[in-house]
């Protein structure tokens, strides 16, 4: 795809746009990744230009969204280890080299005296076992990584070092004497003699590692928005008024509750609402139950709602346009398609802005606490953080342009025009 990138600042060809649109769809809606969920690979040099894939036998072939890799002898045992930095958890990993058949080696710490002290750019050449090996000290390797400044040389079967030569950054060439294998040495510019550096083993690495943490795959029950999402133009059909909108309910906090006739958790939640009816009424909260069953089941829905005192003018149902719009709005909040368990509820402030999503049953105590906090929030401030119980450092802006595009493609003109107004008010870049 990148080979087809436009070479001039003209309108991109349709196939180029479609390629990016396909990638965006796979990432946002199909749970795939643009860069990630790919197994790490490790290749063993067999000599010359031949390599073998040893990812599996080295146990490095785990899946993670890796970003950077650095090489270091972490435990000072003469075997190079790997430190990996990932975007996803675990964010930092140490891969310890425990190869029992590792060969001989020698390592050097460099210190410049006529030029940069770190000796960046110095080239060290080691002669051992009839071979010459060279390495240059760099200030950065790979993507966002810096390996150890200690230059490590694998010597294989060679048991001694014949010669060590350093070309310093200022161009001086210096030979060092007294260097033995399987040790660490400090080479200071102008001294001519190497000084041995004692090993500093990491005793903590000899202890058994803690058991790995079990992944928690349970869905997040309470999702608080860091940036409110206006919903005034969302149509939420009522049994008595199919053309009801969120805007018609403004003035009080609202809980839009999606439920089903056969959903046991929904009935348990309704029972909790009924038990807390006095407190809910005092809070000013307006509960709007929307049934997800087909119209043929609505008679049964009315019976259930009546049993819990919820079969009033606020009760309603969902239809295909609502479900399509709801899916788009939920993706804007949670960033992907993760399903919608029943019950699922949306908490709106008195201005019709979405402030929290409850996936699964919400306890009345939690709901009433959130409603109380909503009552102290500034309805004109889209970034009010009272529900987050923290302080904002950066503002998370809504992608109104994407919402406009998606609702236009779906033919939902009311929502497209509504979020187009939000885009114009937010200004460029939103």
Protein backbone atom coordinates (compact mmCIF):
# COMPACT_ATOMS: atom_id res chain seq x y z
CA UNK A 1 0.00 0.00 0.00
CA UNK A 2 2.77 2.44 0.87
CA UNK A 3 4.30 1.97 -2.59
CA UNK A 4 1.12 3.53 -3.98
CA UNK A 5 1.31 6.66 -1.85
CA UNK A 6 0.69 9.78 -3.97
CA UNK A 7 3.92 11.42 -5.10
CA UNK A 8 2.35 14.86 -5.56
CA UNK A 9 0.00 16.99 -3.49
CA UNK A 10 -3.04 16.00 -5.53
CA UNK A 11 -6.23 14.09 -4.80
CA UNK A 12 -5.34 10.55 -3.72
CA UNK A 13 -6.59 7.73 -6.00
CA UNK A 14 -9.66 5.83 -4.85
CA UNK A 15 -7.78 2.55 -4.33
CA UNK A 16 -5.38 4.35 -1.98
CA UNK A 17 -8.28 5.75 0.07
CA UNK A 18 -9.97 2.35 0.15
CA UNK A 19 -6.79 0.69 1.43
CA UNK A 20 -6.60 3.06 4.39
CA UNK A 21 -10.34 2.73 5.02
CA UNK A 22 -9.97 -1.07 5.11
CA UNK A 23 -7.15 -0.87 7.63
CA UNK A 24 -9.14 1.55 9.79
CA UNK A 25 -12.16 -0.75 9.71
CA UNK A 26 -10.09 -3.81 10.71
CA UNK A 27 -8.47 -1.95 13.62
CA UNK A 28 -11.57 -0.16 14.96
CA UNK A 29 -14.31 -2.69 14.26
CA UNK A 30 -12.73 -6.14 13.89
CA UNK A 31 -10.33 -6.09 16.82
CA UNK A 32 -7.22 -6.36 14.62
CA UNK A 33 -4.02 -4.38 15.00
CA UNK A 34 -2.02 -2.16 12.66
CA UNK A 35 1.15 -2.99 14.57
CA UNK A 36 0.86 -5.54 17.32
CA UNK A 37 -0.43 -9.00 18.20
CA UNK A 38 2.48 -10.37 16.23
CA UNK A 39 4.87 -12.95 17.64
CA UNK A 40 8.41 -11.80 18.39
CA UNK A 41 11.08 -13.41 16.22
CA UNK A 42 14.69 -14.32 17.05
CA UNK A 43 17.19 -15.39 14.38
CA UNK A 44 20.48 -17.21 15.00
CA UNK A 45 23.40 -16.38 12.72
CA UNK A 46 24.76 -19.61 11.24
CA UNK A 47 27.71 -17.86 9.67
CA UNK A 48 27.88 -15.50 6.73
CA UNK A 49 24.42 -14.53 5.54
CA UNK A 50 22.59 -17.59 6.84
CA UNK A 51 20.14 -17.35 9.74
CA UNK A 52 17.88 -19.82 11.54
CA UNK A 53 14.57 -18.94 13.18
CA UNK A 54 14.97 -19.94 16.85
CA UNK A 55 11.99 -17.98 18.15
CA UNK A 56 10.19 -21.00 19.56
CA UNK A 57 13.13 -22.78 21.22
CA UNK A 58 14.25 -19.49 22.79
CA UNK A 59 10.70 -18.87 24.15
CA UNK A 60 10.79 -15.36 22.71
CA UNK A 61 7.86 -15.97 20.36
CA UNK A 62 5.21 -14.48 22.68
CA UNK A 63 2.63 -12.07 21.33
CA UNK A 64 2.95 -8.44 22.29
CA UNK A 65 2.95 -4.97 20.81
CA UNK A 66 6.72 -4.50 21.06
CA UNK A 67 8.35 -1.12 20.51
CA UNK A 68 12.02 -1.24 21.50
CA UNK A 69 14.75 -3.77 22.28
CA UNK A 70 18.05 -3.16 24.07
CA UNK A 71 21.00 -5.51 24.62
CA UNK A 72 22.74 -5.60 28.02
CA UNK A 73 24.54 -8.09 30.26
CA UNK A 74 22.11 -7.43 33.10
CA UNK A 75 23.49 -9.99 35.55
CA UNK A 76 27.18 -9.59 34.60
CA UNK A 77 27.62 -13.28 33.74
CA UNK A 78 29.14 -12.71 30.29
CA UNK A 79 25.95 -13.61 28.42
CA UNK A 80 23.98 -10.84 26.74
CA UNK A 81 20.37 -10.38 27.86
CA UNK A 82 17.50 -8.56 26.16
CA UNK A 83 15.28 -5.81 27.56
CA UNK A 84 12.03 -5.32 25.65
CA UNK A 85 9.73 -2.27 25.84
CA UNK A 86 6.11 -2.91 24.86
CA UNK A 87 3.14 -0.64 24.27
CA UNK A 88 0.91 -3.25 25.91
CA UNK A 89 1.40 -5.06 29.21
CA UNK A 90 3.87 -6.15 30.37
CA UNK A 91 5.38 -2.80 29.48
CA UNK A 92 8.92 -3.91 30.31
CA UNK A 93 10.40 -7.40 29.98
CA UNK A 94 13.85 -8.78 30.78
CA UNK A 95 14.81 -11.86 28.76
CA UNK A 96 17.69 -13.45 30.66
CA UNK A 97 20.25 -15.44 28.69
CA UNK A 98 20.83 -18.76 30.46
CA UNK A 99 22.52 -20.62 27.60
CA UNK A 100 24.79 -23.22 29.28
CA UNK A 101 26.89 -23.62 26.13
CA UNK A 102 27.89 -19.97 25.80
CA UNK A 103 31.47 -19.46 24.60
CA UNK A 104 34.24 -17.19 25.81
CA UNK A 105 33.87 -13.43 25.74
CA UNK A 106 35.38 -10.05 26.62
CA UNK A 107 33.71 -6.68 27.32
CA UNK A 108 34.94 -3.08 27.42
CA UNK A 109 33.87 0.20 29.05
CA UNK A 110 35.33 3.14 27.14
CA UNK A 111 36.30 6.57 28.49
CA UNK A 112 37.43 9.36 26.19
CA UNK A 113 39.80 12.09 27.41
CA UNK A 114 40.37 14.05 24.17
CA UNK A 115 36.90 14.37 22.74
CA UNK A 116 33.59 13.20 24.16
CA UNK A 117 33.91 11.48 27.52
CA UNK A 118 31.44 8.74 26.56
CA UNK A 119 33.64 7.85 23.58
CA UNK A 120 30.61 7.74 21.26
CA UNK A 121 31.86 6.81 17.81
CA UNK A 122 34.92 4.89 19.05
CA UNK A 123 35.68 1.63 17.23
CA UNK A 124 37.19 -1.32 19.09
CA UNK A 125 38.87 -4.20 17.25
CA UNK A 126 39.68 -7.46 19.06
CA UNK A 127 42.00 -10.15 17.72
CA UNK A 128 41.43 -13.64 19.19
CA UNK A 129 41.55 -17.19 17.89
CA UNK A 130 42.84 -16.11 14.50
CA UNK A 131 39.88 -13.75 13.90
CA UNK A 132 39.38 -10.02 14.15
CA UNK A 133 36.10 -8.59 15.42
CA UNK A 134 35.12 -4.90 15.44
CA UNK A 135 32.34 -2.95 17.15
CA UNK A 136 31.50 0.75 17.23
CA UNK A 137 29.99 2.52 20.24
CA UNK A 138 26.69 4.17 19.26
CA UNK A 139 24.38 6.57 21.10
CA UNK A 140 21.15 4.82 20.14
CA UNK A 141 20.24 1.58 18.39
CA UNK A 142 16.99 0.65 16.68
CA UNK A 143 13.71 2.36 17.48
CA UNK A 144 13.72 4.48 20.67
CA UNK A 145 16.37 2.26 22.23
CA UNK A 146 19.87 2.52 23.67
CA UNK A 147 21.72 -0.69 24.40
CA UNK A 148 24.46 -0.89 27.02
CA UNK A 149 27.50 1.31 26.34
CA UNK A 150 29.66 -1.64 27.33
CA UNK A 151 30.96 -3.23 24.11
CA UNK A 152 30.67 -7.02 24.30
CA UNK A 153 32.61 -9.42 22.08
CA UNK A 154 31.84 -13.11 21.78
CA UNK A 155 35.06 -15.08 21.31
CA UNK A 156 33.65 -18.54 20.75
CA UNK A 157 36.27 -21.19 21.54
CA UNK A 158 39.14 -18.67 21.82
CA UNK A 159 40.46 -18.73 25.39
CA UNK A 160 42.66 -15.64 25.19
CA UNK A 161 42.72 -12.20 23.62
CA UNK A 162 45.69 -11.52 21.32
CA UNK A 163 45.26 -7.78 20.74
CA UNK A 164 42.88 -4.89 21.37
CA UNK A 165 42.93 -1.70 19.29
CA UNK A 166 40.75 1.38 19.76
CA UNK A 167 40.16 4.11 17.17
CA UNK A 168 38.96 7.01 19.30
CA UNK A 169 36.42 9.57 18.03
CA UNK A 170 39.17 12.18 17.46
CA UNK A 171 40.98 9.78 15.10
CA UNK A 172 43.70 8.56 17.48
CA UNK A 173 44.50 4.83 17.32
CA UNK A 174 45.63 3.14 20.54
CA UNK A 175 46.57 -0.44 21.45
CA UNK A 176 45.81 -1.85 24.90
CA UNK A 177 47.71 -4.59 26.68
CA UNK A 178 46.95 -6.93 29.57
CA UNK A 179 43.50 -7.93 28.35
CA UNK A 180 42.29 -11.43 29.28
CA UNK A 181 39.18 -13.32 28.14
CA UNK A 182 35.98 -13.76 30.16
CA UNK A 183 36.42 -10.42 31.96
CA UNK A 184 35.30 -6.80 31.79
CA UNK A 185 37.82 -4.04 31.16
CA UNK A 186 37.94 -0.26 31.28
CA UNK A 187 39.84 1.35 28.41
CA UNK A 188 40.74 4.97 29.12
CA UNK A 189 42.07 7.04 26.24
CA UNK A 190 45.81 7.65 26.57
CA UNK A 191 46.48 5.01 29.27
CA UNK A 192 47.43 2.13 26.97
CA UNK A 193 46.74 -0.44 29.73
CA UNK A 194 43.34 -1.99 30.45
CA UNK A 195 41.93 -1.96 33.98
CA UNK A 196 39.73 -4.87 35.04
CA UNK A 197 36.16 -4.04 36.12
CA UNK A 198 34.76 -6.37 38.81
CA UNK A 199 31.50 -8.18 38.14
CA UNK A 200 28.32 -7.02 39.86
CA UNK A 201 25.96 -9.98 39.68
CA UNK A 202 22.25 -9.37 40.21
CA UNK A 203 21.47 -11.61 43.17
CA UNK A 204 17.75 -10.91 42.91
CA UNK A 205 17.63 -12.73 39.58
CA UNK A 206 18.68 -15.96 41.29
CA UNK A 207 15.45 -16.05 43.27
CA UNK A 208 12.45 -17.83 41.74
CA UNK A 209 10.27 -15.44 39.78
CA UNK A 210 6.80 -14.62 41.13
CA UNK A 211 3.90 -16.46 39.49
CA UNK A 212 2.51 -14.61 36.46
CA UNK A 213 -0.58 -12.53 37.04
CA UNK A 214 -3.78 -13.97 35.67
CA UNK A 215 -5.32 -11.92 32.88
CA UNK A 216 -8.66 -10.39 33.79
CA UNK A 217 -10.87 -10.82 30.73
CA UNK A 218 -14.03 -9.62 32.44
CA UNK A 219 -15.65 -6.56 30.83
CA UNK A 220 -15.31 -3.18 32.48
CA UNK A 221 -18.53 -2.60 34.38
CA UNK A 222 -18.43 1.17 34.84
CA UNK A 223 -16.94 3.35 32.13
CA UNK A 224 -16.65 7.03 32.97
CA UNK A 225 -16.10 9.32 30.01
CA UNK A 226 -13.12 11.67 30.19
CA UNK A 227 -14.92 13.90 27.67
CA UNK A 228 -18.70 14.10 27.63
CA UNK A 229 -20.47 12.98 24.46
CA UNK A 230 -23.55 15.05 23.49
CA UNK A 231 -26.57 12.85 22.66
CA UNK A 232 -29.41 15.36 22.32
CA UNK A 233 -30.12 14.31 18.71
CA UNK A 234 -30.27 10.59 19.48
CA UNK A 235 -33.73 9.16 18.84
CA UNK A 236 -34.91 6.89 21.69
CA UNK A 237 -38.38 5.55 20.76
CA UNK A 238 -41.01 5.50 23.50
CA UNK A 239 -44.00 3.18 23.37
CA UNK A 240 -46.21 6.27 23.43
CA UNK A 241 -43.97 8.42 21.17
CA UNK A 242 -41.74 6.66 18.59
CA UNK A 243 -40.13 9.98 17.60
CA UNK A 244 -38.85 10.90 21.05
CA UNK A 245 -35.29 12.26 21.28
CA UNK A 246 -32.84 12.69 24.14
CA UNK A 247 -33.40 16.43 23.83
CA UNK A 248 -36.99 15.86 24.95
CA UNK A 249 -35.70 14.63 28.34
CA UNK A 250 -33.32 17.48 29.14
CA UNK A 251 -33.52 19.16 32.52
CA UNK A 252 -32.88 16.13 34.73
CA UNK A 253 -30.23 13.38 34.85
CA UNK A 254 -31.34 10.39 32.76
CA UNK A 255 -30.49 6.69 32.83
CA UNK A 256 -31.17 5.01 29.46
CA UNK A 257 -31.44 1.32 30.30
CA UNK A 258 -31.27 -1.41 27.63
CA UNK A 259 -32.92 -4.61 28.83
CA UNK A 260 -34.59 -7.82 27.62
CA UNK A 261 -37.55 -9.90 28.74
CA UNK A 262 -35.46 -13.04 29.26
CA UNK A 263 -32.52 -11.24 30.90
CA UNK A 264 -32.31 -12.38 34.54
CA UNK A 265 -29.78 -9.69 35.45
CA UNK A 266 -32.14 -7.09 34.02
CA UNK A 267 -34.90 -8.23 36.39
CA UNK A 268 -32.50 -8.21 39.33
CA UNK A 269 -31.49 -4.68 38.38
CA UNK A 270 -35.14 -3.60 38.12
CA UNK A 271 -35.76 -5.05 41.58
CA UNK A 272 -32.90 -2.93 42.91
CA UNK A 273 -34.35 0.15 41.26
CA UNK A 274 -37.72 -0.58 42.86
CA UNK A 275 -36.21 -1.01 46.33
CA UNK A 276 -34.36 2.28 45.95
CA UNK A 277 -37.30 4.09 44.31
CA UNK A 278 -37.57 6.72 47.05
CA UNK A 279 -33.86 7.62 46.88
CA UNK A 280 -33.90 7.57 43.08
CA UNK A 281 -36.91 9.88 43.03
CA UNK A 282 -35.26 12.26 45.48
CA UNK A 283 -32.14 12.39 43.31
CA UNK A 284 -34.16 13.59 40.32
CA UNK A 285 -32.97 10.69 38.15
CA UNK A 286 -35.24 9.73 35.27
CA UNK A 287 -35.02 6.04 34.32
CA UNK A 288 -35.81 5.32 30.65
CA UNK A 289 -36.04 1.54 30.09
CA UNK A 290 -35.65 0.53 26.41
CA UNK A 291 -36.71 -3.03 25.62
CA UNK A 292 -34.55 -4.91 23.10
CA UNK A 293 -37.06 -7.62 22.19
CA UNK A 294 -39.03 -7.66 18.89
CA UNK A 295 -42.47 -5.96 18.78
CA UNK A 296 -44.28 -9.28 19.19
CA UNK A 297 -42.80 -9.50 22.71
CA UNK A 298 -43.76 -5.98 23.80
CA UNK A 299 -46.93 -7.09 25.58
CA UNK A 300 -44.77 -9.21 27.84
CA UNK A 301 -42.40 -6.24 28.26
CA UNK A 302 -45.24 -4.06 29.56
CA UNK A 303 -46.16 -6.71 32.13
CA UNK A 304 -42.60 -6.90 33.43
CA UNK A 305 -42.23 -3.13 33.59
CA UNK A 306 -45.53 -2.79 35.41
CA UNK A 307 -44.37 -5.29 38.03
CA UNK A 308 -41.43 -3.03 38.90
CA UNK A 309 -43.25 0.29 38.57
CA UNK A 310 -41.42 1.27 35.36
CA UNK A 311 -44.26 1.05 32.81
CA UNK A 312 -44.77 4.79 32.53
CA UNK A 313 -44.45 7.28 29.65
CA UNK A 314 -40.65 7.04 29.76
CA UNK A 315 -40.62 3.32 28.82
CA UNK A 316 -39.70 2.51 25.24
CA UNK A 317 -37.99 0.13 22.87
CA UNK A 318 -35.08 -0.10 20.45
CA UNK A 319 -35.27 -0.37 16.68
CA UNK A 320 -32.69 -0.86 13.92
CA UNK A 321 -31.83 2.86 13.51
CA UNK A 322 -31.27 3.19 17.25
CA UNK A 323 -29.09 0.08 17.45
CA UNK A 324 -26.98 1.23 14.48
CA UNK A 325 -26.50 4.68 16.03
CA UNK A 326 -25.83 3.17 19.46
CA UNK A 327 -23.05 0.96 18.03
CA UNK A 328 -21.32 3.99 16.47
CA UNK A 329 -21.56 6.03 19.66
CA UNK A 330 -20.32 3.17 21.84
CA UNK A 331 -17.29 2.72 19.57
CA UNK A 332 -16.50 6.39 20.04
CA UNK A 333 -16.52 5.78 23.81
CA UNK A 334 -14.76 2.41 24.20
CA UNK A 335 -12.81 2.30 20.92
CA UNK A 336 -14.07 -0.95 19.41
CA UNK A 337 -16.81 -3.54 19.11
CA UNK A 338 -16.86 -5.49 22.38
CA UNK A 339 -20.51 -6.50 22.39
CA UNK A 340 -23.37 -5.08 24.41
CA UNK A 341 -24.37 -7.22 27.38
CA UNK A 342 -27.79 -6.85 28.92
CA UNK A 343 -28.40 -4.80 30.85
CA UNK A 344 -26.38 -1.86 29.52
CA UNK A 345 -27.14 1.65 30.74
CA UNK A 346 -26.16 5.17 29.71
CA UNK A 347 -26.03 7.94 32.33
CA UNK A 348 -26.77 11.40 30.92
CA UNK A 349 -26.42 14.76 32.61
CA UNK A 350 -29.36 17.25 32.57
CA UNK A 351 -28.05 18.71 29.29
CA UNK A 352 -28.27 15.36 27.50
CA UNK A 353 -24.53 14.60 27.53
CA UNK A 354 -23.33 11.04 28.06
CA UNK A 355 -21.11 10.91 31.16
CA UNK A 356 -20.93 7.18 32.04
CA UNK A 357 -21.70 3.73 30.63
CA UNK A 358 -22.63 0.74 32.79
CA UNK A 359 -22.00 -2.62 31.10
CA UNK A 360 -23.95 -5.14 33.12
CA UNK A 361 -26.00 -4.64 36.26
CA UNK A 362 -25.41 -1.40 38.16
CA UNK A 363 -26.00 -1.30 41.90
CA UNK A 364 -28.33 1.49 43.10
CA UNK A 365 -25.68 2.74 45.56
CA UNK A 366 -23.16 3.29 42.73
CA UNK A 367 -25.80 4.83 40.49
CA UNK A 368 -26.99 7.27 43.17
CA UNK A 369 -23.42 8.27 44.00
CA UNK A 370 -22.75 9.04 40.33
CA UNK A 371 -26.02 10.96 40.00
CA UNK A 372 -25.03 13.10 43.00
CA UNK A 373 -21.67 13.86 41.37
CA UNK A 374 -23.36 14.66 38.07
CA UNK A 375 -25.48 17.19 39.91
CA UNK A 376 -22.31 19.06 40.91
CA UNK A 377 -20.79 18.96 37.42
CA UNK A 378 -20.74 21.96 35.12
CA UNK A 379 -23.09 21.07 32.22
CA UNK A 380 -21.23 23.52 29.95
CA UNK A 381 -17.82 21.98 30.64
CA UNK A 382 -17.31 18.85 28.47
CA UNK A 383 -14.22 17.89 30.47
CA UNK A 384 -15.59 18.11 34.02
CA UNK A 385 -13.73 15.36 35.93
CA UNK A 386 -15.83 14.91 39.07
CA UNK A 387 -16.90 11.38 38.09
CA UNK A 388 -13.27 10.43 37.42
CA UNK A 389 -12.18 11.39 40.92
CA UNK A 390 -8.97 12.82 39.50
CA UNK A 391 -7.50 15.80 37.70
CA UNK A 392 -7.19 16.15 33.94
CA UNK A 393 -3.75 16.81 32.47
CA UNK A 394 -4.62 16.54 28.80
CA UNK A 395 -8.03 16.94 27.19
CA UNK A 396 -9.47 14.05 25.18
CA UNK A 397 -11.35 15.61 22.25
CA UNK A 398 -14.23 13.90 20.48
CA UNK A 399 -13.83 12.76 16.87
CA UNK A 400 -16.86 14.61 15.53
CA UNK A 401 -15.59 14.36 11.95
CA UNK A 402 -15.70 10.56 12.11
CA UNK A 403 -19.18 10.63 13.65
CA UNK A 404 -20.42 12.91 10.87
CA UNK A 405 -18.97 10.63 8.21
CA UNK A 406 -20.40 7.46 9.73
CA UNK A 407 -23.89 8.84 10.26
CA UNK A 408 -23.96 10.26 6.74
CA UNK A 409 -23.04 6.84 5.35
CA UNK A 410 -25.83 5.29 7.44
CA UNK A 411 -28.35 7.83 6.18
CA UNK A 412 -28.99 9.23 9.67
CA UNK A 413 -29.06 12.90 8.65
CA UNK A 414 -30.29 14.27 12.00
CA UNK A 415 -27.29 12.86 13.86
CA UNK A 416 -24.87 13.78 11.06
CA UNK A 417 -26.06 17.42 11.11
CA UNK A 418 -25.98 17.48 14.92
CA UNK A 419 -22.35 16.36 15.14
CA UNK A 420 -21.42 18.62 12.24
CA UNK A 421 -22.47 21.51 14.46
CA UNK A 422 -20.27 20.08 17.22
CA UNK A 423 -17.38 19.89 14.75
CA UNK A 424 -17.84 23.53 13.77
CA UNK A 425 -17.97 24.63 17.41
CA UNK A 426 -14.88 22.58 18.32
CA UNK A 427 -12.84 24.14 15.52
CA UNK A 428 -10.07 22.63 13.35
CA UNK A 429 -8.48 19.34 14.33
CA UNK A 430 -11.55 17.85 16.06
